[in-house]
């Protein structure tokens, strides 16, 4: 099973995912990235922070 890494790209450089996640395929990795992005946005909003301009890079 492939391992995918979800690095967060910021204006100050990437925040690397050192562990990654084993998933069936890139489609599942995309679903995971969307869920991660939603969780990050939700946390940032609750804490009064902005994370505009960030993105998630999927690597294998």
PDB file of N, CA and C in Angstrom:
ATOM      1  N   UNK A   1       0.858  -1.172   0.000  1.00  0.00           N
ATOM      2  CA  UNK A   1       0.000   0.000   0.000  1.00  0.00           C
ATOM      3  C   UNK A   1       0.904   1.235   0.000  1.00  0.00           C
ATOM      4  N   UNK A   2       0.633   2.205  -0.882  1.00  0.00           N
ATOM      5  CA  UNK A   2       1.474   3.405  -0.934  1.00  0.00           C
ATOM      6  C   UNK A   2       1.313   4.282   0.299  1.00  0.00           C
ATOM      7  N   UNK A   3       2.379   5.008   0.612  1.00  0.00           N
ATOM      8  CA  UNK A   3       2.366   5.974   1.717  1.00  0.00           C
ATOM      9  C   UNK A   3       2.375   7.371   1.101  1.00  0.00           C
ATOM     10  N   UNK A   4       1.445   8.203   1.558  1.00  0.00           N
ATOM     11  CA  UNK A   4       1.333   9.572   1.074  1.00  0.00           C
ATOM     12  C   UNK A   4       1.665  10.537   2.206  1.00  0.00           C
ATOM     13  N   UNK A   5       2.342  11.620   1.843  1.00  0.00           N
ATOM     14  CA  UNK A   5       2.748  12.641   2.797  1.00  0.00           C
ATOM     15  C   UNK A   5       1.985  13.919   2.472  1.00  0.00           C
ATOM     16  N   UNK A   6       1.502  14.586   3.512  1.00  0.00           N
ATOM     17  CA  UNK A   6       0.676  15.781   3.360  1.00  0.00           C
ATOM     18  C   UNK A   6       1.435  16.974   3.937  1.00  0.00           C
ATOM     19  N   UNK A   7       2.211  17.627   3.089  1.00  0.00           N
ATOM     20  CA  UNK A   7       3.004  18.773   3.504  1.00  0.00           C
ATOM     21  C   UNK A   7       2.166  20.035   3.395  1.00  0.00           C
ATOM     22  N   UNK A   8       2.271  20.904   4.387  1.00  0.00           N
ATOM     23  CA  UNK A   8       1.537  22.166   4.382  1.00  0.00           C
ATOM     24  C   UNK A   8       2.469  23.236   3.832  1.00  0.00           C
ATOM     25  N   UNK A   9       2.042  23.863   2.759  1.00  0.00           N
ATOM     26  CA  UNK A   9       2.838  24.894   2.121  1.00  0.00           C
ATOM     27  C   UNK A   9       2.415  26.252   2.672  1.00  0.00           C
ATOM     28  N   UNK A  10       3.390  27.016   3.210  1.00  0.00           N
ATOM     29  CA  UNK A  10       3.116  28.334   3.775  1.00  0.00           C
ATOM     30  C   UNK A  10       4.031  29.361   3.104  1.00  0.00           C
ATOM     31  N   UNK A  11       3.768  30.624   3.370  1.00  0.00           N
ATOM     32  CA  UNK A  11       4.614  31.699   2.837  1.00  0.00           C
ATOM     33  C   UNK A  11       6.034  31.598   3.383  1.00  0.00           C
ATOM     34  N   UNK A  12       6.205  31.003   4.557  1.00  0.00           N
ATOM     35  CA  UNK A  12       7.519  30.864   5.178  1.00  0.00           C
ATOM     36  C   UNK A  12       8.207  29.556   4.831  1.00  0.00           C
ATOM     37  N   UNK A  13       7.605  28.780   3.940  1.00  0.00           N
ATOM     38  CA  UNK A  13       8.179  27.499   3.560  1.00  0.00           C
ATOM     39  C   UNK A  13       7.280  26.353   3.970  1.00  0.00           C
ATOM     40  N   UNK A  14       7.640  25.155   3.562  1.00  0.00           N
ATOM     41  CA  UNK A  14       6.783  23.999   3.849  1.00  0.00           C
ATOM     42  C   UNK A  14       6.897  23.514   5.289  1.00  0.00           C
ATOM     43  N   UNK A  15       5.802  22.937   5.764  1.00  0.00           N
ATOM     44  CA  UNK A  15       5.798  22.191   7.019  1.00  0.00           C
ATOM     45  C   UNK A  15       5.628  20.739   6.603  1.00  0.00           C
ATOM     46  N   UNK A  16       6.701  19.979   6.704  1.00  0.00           N
ATOM     47  CA  UNK A  16       6.710  18.609   6.199  1.00  0.00           C
ATOM     48  C   UNK A  16       5.983  17.640   7.119  1.00  0.00           C
ATOM     49  N   UNK A  17       5.324  16.695   6.500  1.00  0.00           N
ATOM     50  CA  UNK A  17       4.672  15.585   7.193  1.00  0.00           C
ATOM     51  C   UNK A  17       5.696  14.460   7.269  1.00  0.00           C
ATOM     52  N   UNK A  18       6.301  14.222   8.421  1.00  0.00           N
ATOM     53  CA  UNK A  18       7.369  13.223   8.516  1.00  0.00           C
ATOM     54  C   UNK A  18       6.872  11.774   8.522  1.00  0.00           C
ATOM     55  N   UNK A  19       5.617  11.550   8.847  1.00  0.00           N
ATOM     56  CA  UNK A  19       5.111  10.186   8.995  1.00  0.00           C
ATOM     57  C   UNK A  19       4.367   9.682   7.775  1.00  0.00           C
ATOM     58  N   UNK A  20       3.535  10.511   7.195  1.00  0.00           N
ATOM     59  CA  UNK A  20       2.717  10.086   6.074  1.00  0.00           C
ATOM     60  C   UNK A  20       1.613   9.140   6.519  1.00  0.00           C
ATOM     61  N   UNK A  21       0.797   8.735   5.549  1.00  0.00           N
ATOM     62  CA  UNK A  21      -0.330   7.855   5.808  1.00  0.00           C
ATOM     63  C   UNK A  21      -0.432   6.842   4.677  1.00  0.00           C
ATOM     64  N   UNK A  22      -0.625   5.588   5.029  1.00  0.00           N
ATOM     65  CA  UNK A  22      -0.814   4.563   4.009  1.00  0.00           C
ATOM     66  C   UNK A  22      -2.264   4.592   3.536  1.00  0.00           C
ATOM     67  N   UNK A  23      -2.432   4.754   2.211  1.00  0.00           N
ATOM     68  CA  UNK A  23      -3.758   4.814   1.609  1.00  0.00           C
ATOM     69  C   UNK A  23      -3.755   4.000   0.322  1.00  0.00           C
ATOM     70  N   UNK A  24      -4.937   3.640  -0.144  1.00  0.00           N
ATOM     71  CA  UNK A  24      -5.056   2.795  -1.328  1.00  0.00           C
ATOM     72  C   UNK A  24      -4.523   3.451  -2.594  1.00  0.00           C
ATOM     73  N   UNK A  25      -4.850   4.751  -2.784  1.00  0.00           N
ATOM     74  CA  UNK A  25      -4.469   5.404  -4.028  1.00  0.00           C
ATOM     75  C   UNK A  25      -4.517   6.920  -3.869  1.00  0.00           C
ATOM     76  N   UNK A  26      -4.197   7.625  -4.961  1.00  0.00           N
ATOM     77  CA  UNK A  26      -4.176   9.083  -4.928  1.00  0.00           C
ATOM     78  C   UNK A  26      -5.560   9.664  -4.668  1.00  0.00           C
ATOM     79  N   UNK A  27      -6.602   9.004  -5.136  1.00  0.00           N
ATOM     80  CA  UNK A  27      -7.963   9.470  -4.862  1.00  0.00           C
ATOM     81  C   UNK A  27      -8.259   9.506  -3.374  1.00  0.00           C
ATOM     82  N   UNK A  28      -7.851   8.470  -2.664  1.00  0.00           N
ATOM     83  CA  UNK A  28      -8.029   8.446  -1.205  1.00  0.00           C
ATOM     84  C   UNK A  28      -7.156   9.508  -0.536  1.00  0.00           C
ATOM     85  N   UNK A  29      -5.959   9.746  -1.076  1.00  0.00           N
ATOM     86  CA  UNK A  29      -5.078  10.779  -0.532  1.00  0.00           C
ATOM     87  C   UNK A  29      -5.717  12.159  -0.690  1.00  0.00           C
ATOM     88  N   UNK A  30      -6.371  12.383  -1.823  1.00  0.00           N
ATOM     89  CA  UNK A  30      -7.039  13.662  -2.046  1.00  0.00           C
ATOM     90  C   UNK A  30      -8.168  13.858  -1.038  1.00  0.00           C
ATOM     91  N   UNK A  31      -8.950  12.826  -0.796  1.00  0.00           N
ATOM     92  CA  UNK A  31     -10.024  12.901   0.198  1.00  0.00           C
ATOM     93  C   UNK A  31      -9.452  13.217   1.579  1.00  0.00           C
ATOM     94  N   UNK A  32      -8.347  12.580   1.922  1.00  0.00           N
ATOM     95  CA  UNK A  32      -7.686  12.828   3.211  1.00  0.00           C
ATOM     96  C   UNK A  32      -7.182  14.270   3.300  1.00  0.00           C
ATOM     97  N   UNK A  33      -6.611  14.782   2.208  1.00  0.00           N
ATOM     98  CA  UNK A  33      -6.098  16.157   2.190  1.00  0.00           C
ATOM     99  C   UNK A  33      -7.235  17.159   2.391  1.00  0.00           C
ATOM    100  N   UNK A  34      -8.367  16.914   1.774  1.00  0.00           N
ATOM    101  CA  UNK A  34      -9.522  17.805   1.941  1.00  0.00           C
ATOM    102  C   UNK A  34     -10.000  17.786   3.394  1.00  0.00           C
ATOM    103  N   UNK A  35     -10.067  16.612   3.987  1.00  0.00           N
ATOM    104  CA  UNK A  35     -10.480  16.505   5.394  1.00  0.00           C
ATOM    105  C   UNK A  35      -9.482  17.230   6.300  1.00  0.00           C
ATOM    106  N   UNK A  36      -8.184  17.067   6.024  1.00  0.00           N
ATOM    107  CA  UNK A  36      -7.151  17.753   6.811  1.00  0.00           C
ATOM    108  C   UNK A  36      -7.282  19.266   6.676  1.00  0.00           C
ATOM    109  N   UNK A  37      -7.516  19.750   5.440  1.00  0.00           N
ATOM    110  CA  UNK A  37      -7.657  21.185   5.213  1.00  0.00           C
ATOM    111  C   UNK A  37      -8.850  21.743   5.983  1.00  0.00           C
ATOM    112  N   UNK A  38      -9.939  21.023   5.965  1.00  0.00           N
ATOM    113  CA  UNK A  38     -11.127  21.475   6.704  1.00  0.00           C
ATOM    114  C   UNK A  38     -10.854  21.530   8.204  1.00  0.00           C
ATOM    115  N   UNK A  39     -10.158  20.547   8.723  1.00  0.00           N
ATOM    116  CA  UNK A  39      -9.822  20.534  10.157  1.00  0.00           C
ATOM    117  C   UNK A  39      -8.893  21.697  10.502  1.00  0.00           C
ATOM    118  N   UNK A  40      -7.909  21.963   9.656  1.00  0.00           N
ATOM    119  CA  UNK A  40      -6.987  23.081   9.900  1.00  0.00           C
ATOM    120  C   UNK A  40      -7.730  24.409   9.877  1.00  0.00           C
ATOM    121  N   UNK A  41      -8.638  24.584   8.910  1.00  0.00           N
ATOM    122  CA  UNK A  41      -9.408  25.829   8.826  1.00  0.00           C
ATOM    123  C   UNK A  41     -10.307  25.995  10.045  1.00  0.00           C
ATOM    124  N   UNK A  42     -10.935  24.923  10.468  1.00  0.00           N
ATOM    125  CA  UNK A  42     -11.830  24.973  11.621  1.00  0.00           C
ATOM    126  C   UNK A  42     -11.065  25.369  12.887  1.00  0.00           C
ATOM    127  N   UNK A  43      -9.916  24.746  13.089  1.00  0.00           N
ATOM    128  CA  UNK A  43      -9.089  25.069  14.263  1.00  0.00           C
ATOM    129  C   UNK A  43      -8.629  26.523  14.214  1.00  0.00           C
ATOM    130  N   UNK A  44      -8.179  26.970  13.061  1.00  0.00           N
ATOM    131  CA  UNK A  44      -7.706  28.350  12.923  1.00  0.00           C
ATOM    132  C   UNK A  44      -8.832  29.337  13.226  1.00  0.00           C
ATOM    133  N   UNK A  45     -10.023  29.066  12.733  1.00  0.00           N
ATOM    134  CA  UNK A  45     -11.151  29.970  12.986  1.00  0.00           C
ATOM    135  C   UNK A  45     -11.489  30.034  14.470  1.00  0.00           C
ATOM    136  N   UNK A  46     -11.504  28.884  15.139  1.00  0.00           N
ATOM    137  CA  UNK A  46     -11.802  28.862  16.580  1.00  0.00           C
ATOM    138  C   UNK A  46     -10.764  29.642  17.372  1.00  0.00           C
ATOM    139  N   UNK A  47      -9.516  29.612  16.911  1.00  0.00           N
ATOM    140  CA  UNK A  47      -8.428  30.295  17.610  1.00  0.00           C
ATOM    141  C   UNK A  47      -8.224  31.734  17.145  1.00  0.00           C
ATOM    142  N   UNK A  48      -9.045  32.179  16.193  1.00  0.00           N
ATOM    143  CA  UNK A  48      -8.939  33.555  15.703  1.00  0.00           C
ATOM    144  C   UNK A  48      -7.723  33.804  14.831  1.00  0.00           C
ATOM    145  N   UNK A  49      -7.214  32.754  14.208  1.00  0.00           N
ATOM    146  CA  UNK A  49      -6.050  32.894  13.327  1.00  0.00           C
ATOM    147  C   UNK A  49      -6.499  32.805  11.876  1.00  0.00           C
ATOM    148  N   UNK A  50      -5.657  33.320  10.996  1.00  0.00           N
ATOM    149  CA  UNK A  50      -5.921  33.190   9.573  1.00  0.00           C
ATOM    150  C   UNK A  50      -4.866  32.280   8.953  1.00  0.00           C
ATOM    151  N   UNK A  51      -5.309  31.448   8.041  1.00  0.00           N
ATOM    152  CA  UNK A  51      -4.359  30.569   7.351  1.00  0.00           C
ATOM    153  C   UNK A  51      -4.503  30.721   5.835  1.00  0.00           C
ATOM    154  N   UNK A  52      -4.975  31.882   5.403  1.00  0.00           N
ATOM    155  CA  UNK A  52      -5.117  32.133   3.965  1.00  0.00           C
ATOM    156  C   UNK A  52      -3.766  31.978   3.282  1.00  0.00           C
ATOM    157  N   UNK A  53      -3.793  31.486   2.078  1.00  0.00           N
ATOM    158  CA  UNK A  53      -2.564  31.335   1.307  1.00  0.00           C
ATOM    159  C   UNK A  53      -1.834  30.043   1.554  1.00  0.00           C
ATOM    160  N   UNK A  54      -2.322  29.221   2.451  1.00  0.00           N
ATOM    161  CA  UNK A  54      -1.689  27.917   2.687  1.00  0.00           C
ATOM    162  C   UNK A  54      -2.341  26.873   1.798  1.00  0.00           C
ATOM    163  N   UNK A  55      -1.600  25.822   1.521  1.00  0.00           N
ATOM    164  CA  UNK A  55      -2.140  24.727   0.739  1.00  0.00           C
ATOM    165  C   UNK A  55      -1.509  23.424   1.230  1.00  0.00           C
ATOM    166  N   UNK A  56      -2.087  22.328   0.808  1.00  0.00           N
ATOM    167  CA  UNK A  56      -1.573  21.013   1.167  1.00  0.00           C
ATOM    168  C   UNK A  56      -1.011  20.367  -0.089  1.00  0.00           C
ATOM    169  N   UNK A  57       0.224  19.928  -0.005  1.00  0.00           N
ATOM    170  CA  UNK A  57       0.896  19.239  -1.095  1.00  0.00           C
ATOM    171  C   UNK A  57       0.926  17.749  -0.778  1.00  0.00           C
ATOM    172  N   UNK A  58       0.414  16.942  -1.681  1.00  0.00           N
ATOM    173  CA  UNK A  58       0.429  15.493  -1.505  1.00  0.00           C
ATOM    174  C   UNK A  58       1.658  14.934  -2.212  1.00  0.00           C
ATOM    175  N   UNK A  59       2.472  14.195  -1.472  1.00  0.00           N
ATOM    176  CA  UNK A  59       3.674  13.566  -2.048  1.00  0.00           C
ATOM    177  C   UNK A  59       3.626  12.072  -1.758  1.00  0.00           C
ATOM    178  N   UNK A  60       4.240  11.311  -2.660  1.00  0.00           N
ATOM    179  CA  UNK A  60       4.321   9.872  -2.405  1.00  0.00           C
ATOM    180  C   UNK A  60       5.766   9.444  -2.292  1.00  0.00           C
TER     181      UNK A  60
END
